[in-house]
Amino acid sequence: MEIVQIVGLGFIATLLILVIRSKKPEIAVQLSLVLAIIIFLMVLDKISMVITLIRDLADKANVSQLYLNTILKIIGIAYITEFGAQVCRDAGEGAVAGKIEFAGKVLVLVLAIPIIALVLETIVKLLP
């Protein structure tokens, strides 16, 4: 069970961060960042499997790769935004985290415009 390893690693890192933070806060932030990268690398295979499965299902359903790629990019932006914002919050920079989240929302909206246009186009075609 990989989740047990990930949670265990998280607990150990949290204890180390709590001990280190009072004496060397900059090292505590770096340790938090390293932990996040390690966890990301641990689940990278699973992410790859999910993307492959989604692509296969989209091919079977005749969904345009353009729209599928856009949706995958939106999901990626959401995860990366959350990751970046959490790292900033861990470092005590809530204001920077808020700016990162704002930028992520804007980028998602920009990427979603073609999909929104397609949905609106489809609705207009259905109306008499």
C-alpha atoms as a PDB file:
ATOM      1  CA  MET A   1       0.000   0.000   0.000  1.00  0.00           C
ATOM      2  CA  GLU A   2       1.746   3.068  -1.296  1.00  0.00           C
ATOM      3  CA  ILE A   3      -0.508   5.433   0.618  1.00  0.00           C
ATOM      4  CA  VAL A   4       0.814   4.059   3.903  1.00  0.00           C
ATOM      5  CA  GLN A   5       4.359   4.804   2.744  1.00  0.00           C
ATOM      6  CA  ILE A   6       3.377   8.293   1.643  1.00  0.00           C
ATOM      7  CA  VAL A   7       1.562   9.085   4.892  1.00  0.00           C
ATOM      8  CA  GLY A   8       4.436   7.646   6.933  1.00  0.00           C
ATOM      9  CA  LEU A   9       6.918   9.747   4.997  1.00  0.00           C
ATOM     10  CA  GLY A  10       4.688  12.769   5.551  1.00  0.00           C
ATOM     11  CA  PHE A  11       4.535  12.179   9.300  1.00  0.00           C
ATOM     12  CA  ILE A  12       8.295  11.775   9.571  1.00  0.00           C
ATOM     13  CA  ALA A  13       8.913  14.905   7.510  1.00  0.00           C
ATOM     14  CA  THR A  14       6.367  16.840   9.571  1.00  0.00           C
ATOM     15  CA  LEU A  15       8.123  15.906  12.798  1.00  0.00           C
ATOM     16  CA  LEU A  16      11.484  16.912  11.342  1.00  0.00           C
ATOM     17  CA  ILE A  17      10.056  20.195  10.077  1.00  0.00           C
ATOM     18  CA  LEU A  18       8.556  20.995  13.467  1.00  0.00           C
ATOM     19  CA  VAL A  19      11.903  20.375  15.173  1.00  0.00           C
ATOM     20  CA  ILE A  20      13.952  22.272  12.579  1.00  0.00           C
ATOM     21  CA  ARG A  21      11.565  25.220  12.059  1.00  0.00           C
ATOM     22  CA  SER A  22      12.391  26.924  15.360  1.00  0.00           C
ATOM     23  CA  LYS A  23      16.150  26.969  14.682  1.00  0.00           C
ATOM     24  CA  LYS A  24      16.414  27.048  10.867  1.00  0.00           C
ATOM     25  CA  PRO A  25      13.105  28.009   9.214  1.00  0.00           C
ATOM     26  CA  GLU A  26      14.662  28.201   5.731  1.00  0.00           C
ATOM     27  CA  ILE A  27      15.736  24.556   5.952  1.00  0.00           C
ATOM     28  CA  ALA A  28      12.249  23.583   7.107  1.00  0.00           C
ATOM     29  CA  VAL A  29      10.768  25.119   3.953  1.00  0.00           C
ATOM     30  CA  GLN A  30      13.310  23.319   1.786  1.00  0.00           C
ATOM     31  CA  LEU A  31      12.542  20.031   3.525  1.00  0.00           C
ATOM     32  CA  SER A  32       8.842  20.573   2.870  1.00  0.00           C
ATOM     33  CA  LEU A  33       9.556  21.220  -0.796  1.00  0.00           C
ATOM     34  CA  VAL A  34      11.738  18.110  -1.079  1.00  0.00           C
ATOM     35  CA  LEU A  35       8.985  16.026   0.516  1.00  0.00           C
ATOM     36  CA  ALA A  36       6.450  17.357  -1.977  1.00  0.00           C
ATOM     37  CA  ILE A  37       8.744  16.467  -4.881  1.00  0.00           C
ATOM     38  CA  ILE A  38       9.371  12.961  -3.508  1.00  0.00           C
ATOM     39  CA  ILE A  39       5.639  12.335  -3.101  1.00  0.00           C
ATOM     40  CA  PHE A  40       4.996  13.639  -6.624  1.00  0.00           C
ATOM     41  CA  LEU A  41       7.627  11.276  -8.023  1.00  0.00           C
ATOM     42  CA  MET A  42       6.066   8.381  -6.086  1.00  0.00           C
ATOM     43  CA  VAL A  43       2.683   8.933  -7.754  1.00  0.00           C
ATOM     44  CA  LEU A  44       3.982   9.911 -11.198  1.00  0.00           C
ATOM     45  CA  ASP A  45       3.480   6.363 -12.545  1.00  0.00           C
ATOM     46  CA  LYS A  46      -0.137   6.401 -11.393  1.00  0.00           C
ATOM     47  CA  ILE A  47      -0.732   9.766 -13.062  1.00  0.00           C
ATOM     48  CA  SER A  48       0.731   8.414 -16.284  1.00  0.00           C
ATOM     49  CA  MET A  49      -1.557   5.375 -16.137  1.00  0.00           C
ATOM     50  CA  VAL A  50      -4.634   7.564 -15.611  1.00  0.00           C
ATOM     51  CA  ILE A  51      -3.724   9.840 -18.534  1.00  0.00           C
ATOM     52  CA  THR A  52      -3.212   6.825 -20.788  1.00  0.00           C
ATOM     53  CA  LEU A  53      -6.576   5.388 -19.755  1.00  0.00           C
ATOM     54  CA  ILE A  54      -8.331   8.710 -20.366  1.00  0.00           C
ATOM     55  CA  ARG A  55      -6.714   9.003 -23.807  1.00  0.00           C
ATOM     56  CA  ASP A  56      -7.814   5.468 -24.715  1.00  0.00           C
ATOM     57  CA  LEU A  57     -11.382   6.157 -23.591  1.00  0.00           C
ATOM     58  CA  ALA A  58     -11.422   9.427 -25.543  1.00  0.00           C
ATOM     59  CA  ASP A  59     -10.260   7.618 -28.677  1.00  0.00           C
ATOM     60  CA  LYS A  60     -13.038   5.048 -28.310  1.00  0.00           C
ATOM     61  CA  ALA A  61     -15.619   7.810 -27.802  1.00  0.00           C
ATOM     62  CA  ASN A  62     -14.306   9.825 -30.772  1.00  0.00           C
ATOM     63  CA  VAL A  63     -13.524  12.841 -28.595  1.00  0.00           C
ATOM     64  CA  SER A  64     -11.203  15.324 -30.254  1.00  0.00           C
ATOM     65  CA  GLN A  65      -7.652  15.195 -28.925  1.00  0.00           C
ATOM     66  CA  LEU A  66      -7.666  18.998 -28.881  1.00  0.00           C
ATOM     67  CA  TYR A  67     -10.408  19.059 -26.252  1.00  0.00           C
ATOM     68  CA  LEU A  68      -8.915  16.177 -24.308  1.00  0.00           C
ATOM     69  CA  ASN A  69      -5.519  17.879 -24.200  1.00  0.00           C
ATOM     70  CA  THR A  70      -7.181  21.093 -23.034  1.00  0.00           C
ATOM     71  CA  ILE A  71      -8.956  19.293 -20.210  1.00  0.00           C
ATOM     72  CA  LEU A  72      -5.740  17.539 -19.167  1.00  0.00           C
ATOM     73  CA  LYS A  73      -3.923  20.890 -19.177  1.00  0.00           C
ATOM     74  CA  ILE A  74      -6.644  22.394 -16.996  1.00  0.00           C
ATOM     75  CA  ILE A  75      -6.319  19.523 -14.528  1.00  0.00           C
ATOM     76  CA  GLY A  76      -2.535  19.938 -14.543  1.00  0.00           C
ATOM     77  CA  ILE A  77      -2.801  23.673 -13.903  1.00  0.00           C
ATOM     78  CA  ALA A  78      -5.174  23.042 -11.005  1.00  0.00           C
ATOM     79  CA  TYR A  79      -2.813  20.539  -9.356  1.00  0.00           C
ATOM     80  CA  ILE A  80       0.313  22.626  -9.930  1.00  0.00           C
ATOM     81  CA  THR A  81      -1.439  25.749  -8.657  1.00  0.00           C
ATOM     82  CA  GLU A  82      -2.542  23.967  -5.500  1.00  0.00           C
ATOM     83  CA  PHE A  83       0.963  22.568  -4.994  1.00  0.00           C
ATOM     84  CA  GLY A  84       2.606  25.976  -5.420  1.00  0.00           C
ATOM     85  CA  ALA A  85       0.109  27.721  -3.170  1.00  0.00           C
ATOM     86  CA  GLN A  86       0.557  25.130  -0.419  1.00  0.00           C
ATOM     87  CA  VAL A  87       4.351  25.460  -0.562  1.00  0.00           C
ATOM     88  CA  CYS A  88       3.994  29.231  -0.216  1.00  0.00           C
ATOM     89  CA  ARG A  89       1.594  28.840   2.707  1.00  0.00           C
ATOM     90  CA  ASP A  90       4.052  26.437   4.367  1.00  0.00           C
ATOM     91  CA  ALA A  91       6.677  29.170   4.036  1.00  0.00           C
ATOM     92  CA  GLY A  92       4.306  31.650   5.678  1.00  0.00           C
ATOM     93  CA  GLU A  93       3.562  33.562   2.460  1.00  0.00           C
ATOM     94  CA  GLY A  94      -0.222  33.467   2.287  1.00  0.00           C
ATOM     95  CA  ALA A  95      -0.348  36.573   0.074  1.00  0.00           C
ATOM     96  CA  VAL A  96       1.881  34.952  -2.549  1.00  0.00           C
ATOM     97  CA  ALA A  97      -0.220  31.782  -2.347  1.00  0.00           C
ATOM     98  CA  GLY A  98      -3.329  33.837  -3.081  1.00  0.00           C
ATOM     99  CA  LYS A  99      -1.680  35.368  -6.146  1.00  0.00           C
ATOM    100  CA  ILE A 100      -0.670  31.930  -7.421  1.00  0.00           C
ATOM    101  CA  GLU A 101      -4.236  30.690  -6.998  1.00  0.00           C
ATOM    102  CA  PHE A 102      -5.574  33.748  -8.838  1.00  0.00           C
ATOM    103  CA  ALA A 103      -3.166  33.188 -11.735  1.00  0.00           C
ATOM    104  CA  GLY A 104      -4.166  29.513 -11.886  1.00  0.00           C
ATOM    105  CA  LYS A 105      -7.849  30.443 -12.096  1.00  0.00           C
ATOM    106  CA  VAL A 106      -7.197  32.908 -14.903  1.00  0.00           C
ATOM    107  CA  LEU A 107      -5.167  30.342 -16.863  1.00  0.00           C
ATOM    108  CA  VAL A 108      -7.897  27.729 -16.421  1.00  0.00           C
ATOM    109  CA  LEU A 109     -10.472  30.210 -17.692  1.00  0.00           C
ATOM    110  CA  VAL A 110      -8.341  31.055 -20.737  1.00  0.00           C
ATOM    111  CA  LEU A 111      -7.898  27.367 -21.583  1.00  0.00           C
ATOM    112  CA  ALA A 112     -11.595  26.668 -21.057  1.00  0.00           C
ATOM    113  CA  ILE A 113     -12.793  29.289 -23.541  1.00  0.00           C
ATOM    114  CA  PRO A 114     -12.725  26.945 -26.596  1.00  0.00           C
ATOM    115  CA  ILE A 115     -14.692  24.311 -24.683  1.00  0.00           C
ATOM    116  CA  ILE A 116     -17.211  26.891 -23.466  1.00  0.00           C
ATOM    117  CA  ALA A 117     -17.573  28.163 -27.049  1.00  0.00           C
ATOM    118  CA  LEU A 118     -18.202  24.612 -28.295  1.00  0.00           C
ATOM    119  CA  VAL A 119     -20.880  24.030 -25.652  1.00  0.00           C
ATOM    120  CA  LEU A 120     -22.582  27.324 -26.512  1.00  0.00           C
ATOM    121  CA  GLU A 121     -22.382  26.518 -30.223  1.00  0.00           C
ATOM    122  CA  THR A 122     -23.996  23.143 -29.606  1.00  0.00           C
ATOM    123  CA  ILE A 123     -26.788  24.723 -27.547  1.00  0.00           C
ATOM    124  CA  VAL A 124     -27.476  27.289 -30.283  1.00  0.00           C
ATOM    125  CA  LYS A 125     -27.710  24.503 -32.877  1.00  0.00           C
ATOM    126  CA  LEU A 126     -30.255  22.658 -30.734  1.00  0.00           C
ATOM    127  CA  LEU A 127     -32.514  25.699 -30.385  1.00  0.00           C
ATOM    128  CA  PRO A 128     -35.075  26.258 -33.152  1.00  0.00           C
END
